Amino acid sequence: MGAILLLLFIGLIAGIIYKIKTRVSLPTGTTQIELGLPAGAQARDASVVGDKLIINTGGEVFVIDISSRQILLRVKVGVP
């Protein structure tokens, strides 16, 4: 039982070291991304999934790649 706990602990430490060595570094500096929204438009919701930033303005949804700082997808929301 003690040997199994020791092996699991070693595996946990190895996993933490692996995650530290393979983490993705974010680009340095700040850059603005122009979304082309009309004046007065506000972001209602923003979330990060992996390396993608998703912004919902109510009328449009933007998917932005954080590492390259480019808009990948722009979807207009409306009633058909």
C-alpha atoms as a PDB file:
ATOM      1  CA  MET A   1       0.000   0.000   0.000  1.00  0.00           C
ATOM      2  CA  GLY A   2       2.838   2.371   0.842  1.00  0.00           C
ATOM      3  CA  ALA A   3       4.587   1.590  -2.448  1.00  0.00           C
ATOM      4  CA  ILE A   4       1.443   2.444  -4.435  1.00  0.00           C
ATOM      5  CA  LEU A   5       1.061   5.763  -2.596  1.00  0.00           C
ATOM      6  CA  LEU A   6       4.712   6.556  -3.263  1.00  0.00           C
ATOM      7  CA  LEU A   7       4.307   5.807  -6.992  1.00  0.00           C
ATOM      8  CA  LEU A   8       1.179   7.970  -7.179  1.00  0.00           C
ATOM      9  CA  PHE A   9       2.977  10.831  -5.437  1.00  0.00           C
ATOM     10  CA  ILE A  10       5.917  10.552  -7.864  1.00  0.00           C
ATOM     11  CA  GLY A  11       3.452  10.552 -10.764  1.00  0.00           C
ATOM     12  CA  LEU A  12       1.778  13.685  -9.394  1.00  0.00           C
ATOM     13  CA  ILE A  13       5.103  15.518  -9.079  1.00  0.00           C
ATOM     14  CA  ALA A  14       6.121  14.406 -12.598  1.00  0.00           C
ATOM     15  CA  GLY A  15       2.790  15.672 -13.951  1.00  0.00           C
ATOM     16  CA  ILE A  16       3.263  19.072 -12.326  1.00  0.00           C
ATOM     17  CA  ILE A  17       6.794  19.348 -13.735  1.00  0.00           C
ATOM     18  CA  TYR A  18       5.522  18.363 -17.202  1.00  0.00           C
ATOM     19  CA  LYS A  19       2.783  21.030 -17.079  1.00  0.00           C
ATOM     20  CA  ILE A  20       5.289  23.700 -16.024  1.00  0.00           C
ATOM     21  CA  LYS A  21       7.706  22.829 -18.835  1.00  0.00           C
ATOM     22  CA  THR A  22       5.057  22.661 -21.607  1.00  0.00           C
ATOM     23  CA  ARG A  23       2.953  25.692 -20.678  1.00  0.00           C
ATOM     24  CA  VAL A  24       2.192  28.211 -23.396  1.00  0.00           C
ATOM     25  CA  SER A  25       3.573  31.658 -22.743  1.00  0.00           C
ATOM     26  CA  LEU A  26       1.364  34.604 -23.600  1.00  0.00           C
ATOM     27  CA  PRO A  27       2.768  37.305 -25.851  1.00  0.00           C
ATOM     28  CA  THR A  28       4.279  40.279 -24.077  1.00  0.00           C
ATOM     29  CA  GLY A  29       3.068  43.822 -24.493  1.00  0.00           C
ATOM     30  CA  THR A  30      -0.408  45.052 -25.170  1.00  0.00           C
ATOM     31  CA  THR A  31      -2.135  45.532 -28.465  1.00  0.00           C
ATOM     32  CA  GLN A  32      -5.606  46.757 -29.239  1.00  0.00           C
ATOM     33  CA  ILE A  33      -7.857  44.759 -31.519  1.00  0.00           C
ATOM     34  CA  GLU A  34     -10.412  46.785 -33.444  1.00  0.00           C
ATOM     35  CA  LEU A  35     -13.744  44.954 -33.518  1.00  0.00           C
ATOM     36  CA  GLY A  36     -15.531  47.525 -35.686  1.00  0.00           C
ATOM     37  CA  LEU A  37     -18.501  47.941 -33.361  1.00  0.00           C
ATOM     38  CA  PRO A  38     -20.824  50.936 -33.549  1.00  0.00           C
ATOM     39  CA  ALA A  39     -20.470  53.683 -30.962  1.00  0.00           C
ATOM     40  CA  GLY A  40     -22.062  52.796 -27.657  1.00  0.00           C
ATOM     41  CA  ALA A  41     -21.856  49.018 -28.137  1.00  0.00           C
ATOM     42  CA  GLN A  42     -20.891  47.099 -25.021  1.00  0.00           C
ATOM     43  CA  ALA A  43     -19.545  43.633 -24.367  1.00  0.00           C
ATOM     44  CA  ARG A  44     -22.202  41.646 -22.491  1.00  0.00           C
ATOM     45  CA  ASP A  45     -20.141  38.535 -21.891  1.00  0.00           C
ATOM     46  CA  ALA A  46     -16.528  37.465 -22.368  1.00  0.00           C
ATOM     47  CA  SER A  47     -14.955  34.083 -21.698  1.00  0.00           C
ATOM     48  CA  VAL A  48     -11.686  32.328 -22.392  1.00  0.00           C
ATOM     49  CA  VAL A  49     -11.630  28.755 -23.695  1.00  0.00           C
ATOM     50  CA  GLY A  50      -8.093  27.452 -24.153  1.00  0.00           C
ATOM     51  CA  ASP A  51      -6.317  30.118 -26.191  1.00  0.00           C
ATOM     52  CA  LYS A  52      -9.541  31.603 -27.618  1.00  0.00           C
ATOM     53  CA  LEU A  53     -11.362  34.683 -26.292  1.00  0.00           C
ATOM     54  CA  ILE A  54     -15.114  34.746 -26.939  1.00  0.00           C
ATOM     55  CA  ILE A  55     -16.868  38.132 -26.723  1.00  0.00           C
ATOM     56  CA  ASN A  56     -20.661  38.482 -26.902  1.00  0.00           C
ATOM     57  CA  THR A  57     -22.026  41.976 -27.561  1.00  0.00           C
ATOM     58  CA  GLY A  58     -25.658  40.943 -27.848  1.00  0.00           C
ATOM     59  CA  GLY A  59     -25.745  41.613 -31.602  1.00  0.00           C
ATOM     60  CA  GLU A  60     -22.511  39.846 -32.512  1.00  0.00           C
ATOM     61  CA  VAL A  61     -20.212  37.146 -31.184  1.00  0.00           C
ATOM     62  CA  PHE A  62     -16.453  37.365 -31.733  1.00  0.00           C
ATOM     63  CA  VAL A  63     -13.919  34.544 -31.404  1.00  0.00           C
ATOM     64  CA  ILE A  64     -10.375  35.883 -31.030  1.00  0.00           C
ATOM     65  CA  ASP A  65      -7.132  33.893 -30.976  1.00  0.00           C
ATOM     66  CA  ILE A  66      -5.205  35.233 -27.986  1.00  0.00           C
ATOM     67  CA  SER A  67      -1.732  34.203 -29.161  1.00  0.00           C
ATOM     68  CA  SER A  68      -1.970  35.742 -32.648  1.00  0.00           C
ATOM     69  CA  ARG A  69      -4.421  38.515 -31.629  1.00  0.00           C
ATOM     70  CA  GLN A  70      -6.576  37.938 -34.682  1.00  0.00           C
ATOM     71  CA  ILE A  71     -10.337  37.696 -35.042  1.00  0.00           C
ATOM     72  CA  LEU A  72     -11.072  34.115 -36.112  1.00  0.00           C
ATOM     73  CA  LEU A  73     -14.860  34.332 -36.326  1.00  0.00           C
ATOM     74  CA  ARG A  74     -17.476  37.081 -36.299  1.00  0.00           C
ATOM     75  CA  VAL A  75     -21.099  35.965 -36.103  1.00  0.00           C
ATOM     76  CA  LYS A  76     -23.998  38.423 -36.364  1.00  0.00           C
ATOM     77  CA  VAL A  77     -26.938  37.442 -34.200  1.00  0.00           C
ATOM     78  CA  GLY A  78     -30.358  38.384 -35.479  1.00  0.00           C
ATOM     79  CA  VAL A  79     -33.881  37.251 -36.162  1.00  0.00           C
ATOM     80  CA  PRO A  80     -34.361  35.685 -39.615  1.00  0.00           C
END
